[in-house]
Amino acid sequence: MRCCSVLLVLLLFAAPPAQALRCGNRLVALGDVELQVRERCGEPYWVDRYVDTEVLGANAPVQYQKDVEVAVWYYNFGSRQFISQLVFRDGTLAAQASLGYGVDTLGSDCDANRNWVGLSVGELVAHCGEPAARRAASGYVVRRPAPGIERWRDLREEDWTYDFGANLRPRVMHLREGRVVGVDTLPR
């Protein structure tokens, strides 16, 4: 019994962290920097970038502002595996998530009548490729999580237009904060 307990403890220490992404036989974990991830996993197929500005001491005589560069990387490992989303803050991996299933070939699974609402920008690009046209809104979103603290973020609203060919009407995908929030059909 003691032997089994020791073996169990050793296996727990040998197990990869719960928040680790496996790229082939190499692991990527929170705290890794962009260079390490790129070396282990290769180039992402899509990167979404924006800036967060953190303000401490808002409305006080002295305030501190810091820009934080955020890069969201997407990896597609094929139709039998989930798309991986990695979020870097100032070049360090801060979060990761598994999304829906990937595709065998980027842009090869774009059904005009699919319910796209809720999908991330990375999933949209994986299924449909880059849009025929893009239009972005400019501005900022300000959040105040506590007195004297503000977080400013680029307004991340875009409209992406996809043309599905002569037999189908074009669709405009409305994106907010990196997700599809609505779809409109355009006349031909």
C-alpha atoms as a PDB file:
ATOM      1  CA  MET A   1       0.000   0.000   0.000  1.00  0.00           C
ATOM      2  CA  ARG A   2       2.817   2.421   0.874  1.00  0.00           C
ATOM      3  CA  CYS A   3       4.460   1.694  -2.493  1.00  0.00           C
ATOM      4  CA  CYS A   4       1.275   2.660  -4.338  1.00  0.00           C
ATOM      5  CA  SER A   5       0.981   5.906  -2.364  1.00  0.00           C
ATOM      6  CA  VAL A   6       4.555   6.875  -3.185  1.00  0.00           C
ATOM      7  CA  LEU A   7       3.985   6.030  -6.856  1.00  0.00           C
ATOM      8  CA  LEU A   8       0.800   8.124  -6.919  1.00  0.00           C
ATOM      9  CA  VAL A   9       2.614  11.134  -5.431  1.00  0.00           C
ATOM     10  CA  LEU A  10       5.427  10.783  -7.981  1.00  0.00           C
ATOM     11  CA  LEU A  11       2.925  10.624 -10.846  1.00  0.00           C
ATOM     12  CA  LEU A  12       1.190  13.781  -9.630  1.00  0.00           C
ATOM     13  CA  PHE A  13       4.491  15.691  -9.670  1.00  0.00           C
ATOM     14  CA  ALA A  14       5.352  14.313 -13.115  1.00  0.00           C
ATOM     15  CA  ALA A  15       1.982  15.294 -14.628  1.00  0.00           C
ATOM     16  CA  PRO A  16       1.924  18.434 -16.795  1.00  0.00           C
ATOM     17  CA  PRO A  17       0.203  21.489 -15.328  1.00  0.00           C
ATOM     18  CA  ALA A  18      -3.567  21.639 -15.885  1.00  0.00           C
ATOM     19  CA  GLN A  19      -3.124  24.812 -17.959  1.00  0.00           C
ATOM     20  CA  ALA A  20      -0.526  23.353 -20.326  1.00  0.00           C
ATOM     21  CA  LEU A  21      -0.868  23.144 -24.101  1.00  0.00           C
ATOM     22  CA  ARG A  22       0.867  20.289 -25.864  1.00  0.00           C
ATOM     23  CA  CYS A  23       2.470  21.082 -29.228  1.00  0.00           C
ATOM     24  CA  GLY A  24       3.761  17.753 -30.484  1.00  0.00           C
ATOM     25  CA  ASN A  25       5.843  16.449 -27.583  1.00  0.00           C
ATOM     26  CA  ARG A  26       6.534  19.909 -26.093  1.00  0.00           C
ATOM     27  CA  LEU A  27       4.505  21.759 -23.457  1.00  0.00           C
ATOM     28  CA  VAL A  28       3.550  25.419 -23.265  1.00  0.00           C
ATOM     29  CA  ALA A  29       2.424  26.757 -19.884  1.00  0.00           C
ATOM     30  CA  LEU A  30       1.289  30.009 -18.292  1.00  0.00           C
ATOM     31  CA  GLY A  31       4.253  32.333 -17.733  1.00  0.00           C
ATOM     32  CA  ASP A  32       6.053  31.299 -20.941  1.00  0.00           C
ATOM     33  CA  VAL A  33       7.040  34.152 -23.263  1.00  0.00           C
ATOM     34  CA  GLU A  34       6.099  34.529 -26.937  1.00  0.00           C
ATOM     35  CA  LEU A  35       9.499  33.304 -28.175  1.00  0.00           C
ATOM     36  CA  GLN A  36       9.204  30.049 -26.207  1.00  0.00           C
ATOM     37  CA  VAL A  37       5.682  29.407 -27.493  1.00  0.00           C
ATOM     38  CA  ARG A  38       6.677  30.163 -31.095  1.00  0.00           C
ATOM     39  CA  GLU A  39       9.650  27.764 -30.826  1.00  0.00           C
ATOM     40  CA  ARG A  40       7.448  24.975 -29.417  1.00  0.00           C
ATOM     41  CA  CYS A  41       4.266  25.457 -31.470  1.00  0.00           C
ATOM     42  CA  GLY A  42       5.281  27.409 -34.572  1.00  0.00           C
ATOM     43  CA  GLU A  43       3.529  30.496 -35.901  1.00  0.00           C
ATOM     44  CA  PRO A  44      -0.152  30.947 -34.982  1.00  0.00           C
ATOM     45  CA  TYR A  45      -2.523  31.131 -37.940  1.00  0.00           C
ATOM     46  CA  TRP A  46      -4.193  34.276 -36.545  1.00  0.00           C
ATOM     47  CA  VAL A  47      -3.190  36.984 -34.047  1.00  0.00           C
ATOM     48  CA  ASP A  48      -5.593  39.557 -32.599  1.00  0.00           C
ATOM     49  CA  ARG A  49      -3.827  42.554 -30.956  1.00  0.00           C
ATOM     50  CA  TYR A  50      -5.072  45.380 -28.761  1.00  0.00           C
ATOM     51  CA  VAL A  51      -3.939  47.602 -25.880  1.00  0.00           C
ATOM     52  CA  ASP A  52      -5.275  47.816 -22.326  1.00  0.00           C
ATOM     53  CA  THR A  53      -4.385  50.928 -20.334  1.00  0.00           C
ATOM     54  CA  GLU A  54      -4.463  50.509 -16.575  1.00  0.00           C
ATOM     55  CA  VAL A  55      -4.935  53.713 -14.548  1.00  0.00           C
ATOM     56  CA  LEU A  56      -4.280  53.716 -10.799  1.00  0.00           C
ATOM     57  CA  GLY A  57      -5.242  56.766  -8.816  1.00  0.00           C
ATOM     58  CA  ALA A  58      -7.919  57.907 -11.259  1.00  0.00           C
ATOM     59  CA  ASN A  59      -9.342  61.286 -10.191  1.00  0.00           C
ATOM     60  CA  ALA A  60      -6.515  61.674  -7.626  1.00  0.00           C
ATOM     61  CA  PRO A  61      -3.809  64.370  -7.655  1.00  0.00           C
ATOM     62  CA  VAL A  62      -1.339  61.788  -9.005  1.00  0.00           C
ATOM     63  CA  GLN A  63      -2.215  58.915 -11.227  1.00  0.00           C
ATOM     64  CA  TYR A  64      -0.212  56.119 -12.817  1.00  0.00           C
ATOM     65  CA  GLN A  65      -0.987  54.886 -16.341  1.00  0.00           C
ATOM     66  CA  LYS A  66       0.448  51.742 -17.876  1.00  0.00           C
ATOM     67  CA  ASP A  67      -0.213  50.386 -21.364  1.00  0.00           C
ATOM     68  CA  VAL A  68      -0.430  46.599 -21.544  1.00  0.00           C
ATOM     69  CA  GLU A  69      -0.057  45.045 -24.989  1.00  0.00           C
ATOM     70  CA  VAL A  70      -2.401  42.098 -25.423  1.00  0.00           C
ATOM     71  CA  ALA A  71      -1.923  39.529 -28.188  1.00  0.00           C
ATOM     72  CA  VAL A  72      -4.381  36.687 -28.668  1.00  0.00           C
ATOM     73  CA  TRP A  73      -2.870  33.822 -30.674  1.00  0.00           C
ATOM     74  CA  TYR A  74      -4.883  31.050 -32.328  1.00  0.00           C
ATOM     75  CA  TYR A  75      -3.596  27.583 -33.242  1.00  0.00           C
ATOM     76  CA  ASN A  76      -5.437  25.078 -35.430  1.00  0.00           C
ATOM     77  CA  PHE A  77      -4.340  21.444 -35.051  1.00  0.00           C
ATOM     78  CA  GLY A  78      -6.865  19.914 -37.493  1.00  0.00           C
ATOM     79  CA  SER A  79     -10.511  18.888 -37.487  1.00  0.00           C
ATOM     80  CA  ARG A  80     -10.109  16.251 -34.754  1.00  0.00           C
ATOM     81  CA  GLN A  81      -8.664  18.654 -32.196  1.00  0.00           C
ATOM     82  CA  PHE A  82      -9.807  21.871 -30.577  1.00  0.00           C
ATOM     83  CA  ILE A  83      -8.562  25.291 -31.651  1.00  0.00           C
ATOM     84  CA  SER A  84      -6.254  26.725 -28.971  1.00  0.00           C
ATOM     85  CA  GLN A  85      -6.458  30.364 -27.921  1.00  0.00           C
ATOM     86  CA  LEU A  86      -3.447  31.815 -26.092  1.00  0.00           C
ATOM     87  CA  VAL A  87      -3.599  35.281 -24.480  1.00  0.00           C
ATOM     88  CA  PHE A  88      -0.332  37.147 -23.936  1.00  0.00           C
ATOM     89  CA  ARG A  89      -0.056  40.259 -21.769  1.00  0.00           C
ATOM     90  CA  ASP A  90       3.141  42.208 -22.469  1.00  0.00           C
ATOM     91  CA  GLY A  91       4.641  39.142 -24.147  1.00  0.00           C
ATOM     92  CA  THR A  92       3.937  36.655 -21.345  1.00  0.00           C
ATOM     93  CA  LEU A  93       1.336  33.890 -21.610  1.00  0.00           C
ATOM     94  CA  ALA A  94      -1.431  34.869 -19.192  1.00  0.00           C
ATOM     95  CA  ALA A  95      -4.356  32.632 -20.231  1.00  0.00           C
ATOM     96  CA  GLN A  96      -5.257  29.858 -22.601  1.00  0.00           C
ATOM     97  CA  ALA A  97      -8.472  28.202 -23.683  1.00  0.00           C
ATOM     98  CA  SER A  98      -9.707  25.418 -25.912  1.00  0.00           C
ATOM     99  CA  LEU A  99     -12.360  26.521 -28.394  1.00  0.00           C
ATOM    100  CA  GLY A 100     -14.414  24.521 -30.905  1.00  0.00           C
ATOM    101  CA  TYR A 101     -13.023  21.933 -33.283  1.00  0.00           C
ATOM    102  CA  GLY A 102     -10.480  23.084 -35.840  1.00  0.00           C
ATOM    103  CA  VAL A 103     -10.418  22.462 -39.598  1.00  0.00           C
ATOM    104  CA  ASP A 104      -8.164  20.442 -41.891  1.00  0.00           C
ATOM    105  CA  THR A 105      -7.584  23.440 -44.187  1.00  0.00           C
ATOM    106  CA  LEU A 106      -8.007  27.057 -43.065  1.00  0.00           C
ATOM    107  CA  GLY A 107     -11.021  28.718 -44.695  1.00  0.00           C
ATOM    108  CA  SER A 108     -12.443  25.430 -46.004  1.00  0.00           C
ATOM    109  CA  ASP A 109     -15.507  25.029 -43.780  1.00  0.00           C
ATOM    110  CA  CYS A 110     -17.510  28.225 -44.280  1.00  0.00           C
ATOM    111  CA  ASP A 111     -21.249  27.535 -44.358  1.00  0.00           C
ATOM    112  CA  ALA A 112     -23.175  30.763 -45.037  1.00  0.00           C
ATOM    113  CA  ASN A 113     -26.165  29.510 -43.049  1.00  0.00           C
ATOM    114  CA  ARG A 114     -24.292  28.412 -39.953  1.00  0.00           C
ATOM    115  CA  ASN A 115     -25.023  30.126 -36.644  1.00  0.00           C
ATOM    116  CA  TRP A 116     -21.809  32.129 -36.234  1.00  0.00           C
ATOM    117  CA  VAL A 117     -22.899  34.103 -33.151  1.00  0.00           C
ATOM    118  CA  GLY A 118     -20.633  33.456 -30.170  1.00  0.00           C
ATOM    119  CA  LEU A 119     -17.629  32.203 -32.144  1.00  0.00           C
ATOM    120  CA  SER A 120     -14.264  33.859 -31.596  1.00  0.00           C
ATOM    121  CA  VAL A 121     -12.487  35.763 -34.355  1.00  0.00           C
ATOM    122  CA  GLY A 122      -9.955  32.921 -34.483  1.00  0.00           C
ATOM    123  CA  GLU A 123     -12.674  30.324 -35.078  1.00  0.00           C
ATOM    124  CA  LEU A 124     -14.229  32.511 -37.787  1.00  0.00           C
ATOM    125  CA  VAL A 125     -10.883  32.827 -39.591  1.00  0.00           C
ATOM    126  CA  ALA A 126     -10.239  29.078 -39.259  1.00  0.00           C
ATOM    127  CA  HIS A 127     -13.573  28.227 -40.881  1.00  0.00           C
ATOM    128  CA  CYS A 128     -13.959  31.052 -43.416  1.00  0.00           C
ATOM    129  CA  GLY A 129     -10.516  32.582 -43.903  1.00  0.00           C
ATOM    130  CA  GLU A 130      -9.975  36.316 -43.969  1.00  0.00           C
ATOM    131  CA  PRO A 131     -12.965  38.467 -44.960  1.00  0.00           C
ATOM    132  CA  ALA A 132     -13.448  40.174 -48.312  1.00  0.00           C
ATOM    133  CA  ALA A 133     -13.768  43.508 -46.457  1.00  0.00           C
ATOM    134  CA  ARG A 134     -13.207  44.830 -42.929  1.00  0.00           C
ATOM    135  CA  ARG A 135     -14.368  47.970 -41.159  1.00  0.00           C
ATOM    136  CA  ALA A 136     -13.365  48.853 -37.600  1.00  0.00           C
ATOM    137  CA  ALA A 137     -14.803  51.368 -35.150  1.00  0.00           C
ATOM    138  CA  SER A 138     -12.398  53.485 -33.114  1.00  0.00           C
ATOM    139  CA  GLY A 139     -12.643  54.626 -29.538  1.00  0.00           C
ATOM    140  CA  TYR A 140     -12.210  53.297 -26.005  1.00  0.00           C
ATOM    141  CA  VAL A 141     -14.135  51.293 -23.446  1.00  0.00           C
ATOM    142  CA  VAL A 142     -13.530  52.372 -19.820  1.00  0.00           C
ATOM    143  CA  ARG A 143     -14.167  50.010 -16.915  1.00  0.00           C
ATOM    144  CA  ARG A 144     -13.944  51.081 -13.249  1.00  0.00           C
ATOM    145  CA  PRO A 145     -13.588  47.905 -11.151  1.00  0.00           C
ATOM    146  CA  ALA A 146     -12.916  49.834  -7.904  1.00  0.00           C
ATOM    147  CA  PRO A 147     -12.653  53.444  -6.732  1.00  0.00           C
ATOM    148  CA  GLY A 148      -9.521  55.065  -8.132  1.00  0.00           C
ATOM    149  CA  ILE A 149      -8.889  52.278 -10.667  1.00  0.00           C
ATOM    150  CA  GLU A 150      -9.726  52.466 -14.365  1.00  0.00           C
ATOM    151  CA  ARG A 151      -9.015  50.106 -17.231  1.00  0.00           C
ATOM    152  CA  TRP A 152      -9.119  51.583 -20.717  1.00  0.00           C
ATOM    153  CA  ARG A 153      -9.303  49.271 -23.702  1.00  0.00           C
ATOM    154  CA  ASP A 154      -9.421  49.884 -27.428  1.00  0.00           C
ATOM    155  CA  LEU A 155     -13.004  49.670 -28.672  1.00  0.00           C
ATOM    156  CA  ARG A 156     -12.864  46.327 -30.409  1.00  0.00           C
ATOM    157  CA  GLU A 157     -15.793  46.459 -32.828  1.00  0.00           C
ATOM    158  CA  GLU A 158     -15.454  45.376 -36.431  1.00  0.00           C
ATOM    159  CA  ASP A 159     -17.659  44.382 -39.329  1.00  0.00           C
ATOM    160  CA  TRP A 160     -16.291  41.613 -41.537  1.00  0.00           C
ATOM    161  CA  THR A 161     -17.941  40.975 -44.905  1.00  0.00           C
ATOM    162  CA  TYR A 162     -17.844  37.540 -46.527  1.00  0.00           C
ATOM    163  CA  ASP A 163     -18.934  36.846 -50.102  1.00  0.00           C
ATOM    164  CA  PHE A 164     -20.244  33.306 -50.448  1.00  0.00           C
ATOM    165  CA  GLY A 165     -20.454  33.348 -54.247  1.00  0.00           C
ATOM    166  CA  ALA A 166     -23.027  34.264 -56.887  1.00  0.00           C
ATOM    167  CA  ASN A 167     -25.746  31.947 -55.550  1.00  0.00           C
ATOM    168  CA  LEU A 168     -25.690  33.218 -51.967  1.00  0.00           C
ATOM    169  CA  ARG A 169     -25.982  36.700 -50.544  1.00  0.00           C
ATOM    170  CA  PRO A 170     -22.984  38.223 -48.733  1.00  0.00           C
ATOM    171  CA  ARG A 171     -22.955  38.219 -44.939  1.00  0.00           C
ATOM    172  CA  VAL A 172     -21.638  40.874 -42.559  1.00  0.00           C
ATOM    173  CA  MET A 173     -20.280  39.421 -39.326  1.00  0.00           C
ATOM    174  CA  HIS A 174     -20.433  41.954 -36.477  1.00  0.00           C
ATOM    175  CA  LEU A 175     -17.537  41.406 -34.051  1.00  0.00           C
ATOM    176  CA  ARG A 176     -17.224  42.830 -30.539  1.00  0.00           C
ATOM    177  CA  GLU A 177     -14.348  42.058 -28.165  1.00  0.00           C
ATOM    178  CA  GLY A 178     -13.110  39.298 -30.489  1.00  0.00           C
ATOM    179  CA  ARG A 179     -16.455  37.453 -30.822  1.00  0.00           C
ATOM    180  CA  VAL A 180     -19.236  37.354 -33.393  1.00  0.00           C
ATOM    181  CA  VAL A 181     -22.256  39.121 -31.880  1.00  0.00           C
ATOM    182  CA  GLY A 182     -24.498  39.311 -34.955  1.00  0.00           C
ATOM    183  CA  VAL A 183     -24.803  38.540 -38.639  1.00  0.00           C
ATOM    184  CA  ASP A 184     -26.609  40.526 -41.358  1.00  0.00           C
ATOM    185  CA  THR A 185     -27.346  39.445 -44.906  1.00  0.00           C
ATOM    186  CA  LEU A 186     -26.660  41.950 -47.696  1.00  0.00           C
ATOM    187  CA  PRO A 187     -28.614  42.247 -50.944  1.00  0.00           C
ATOM    188  CA  ARG A 188     -26.912  41.293 -54.204  1.00  0.00           C
END
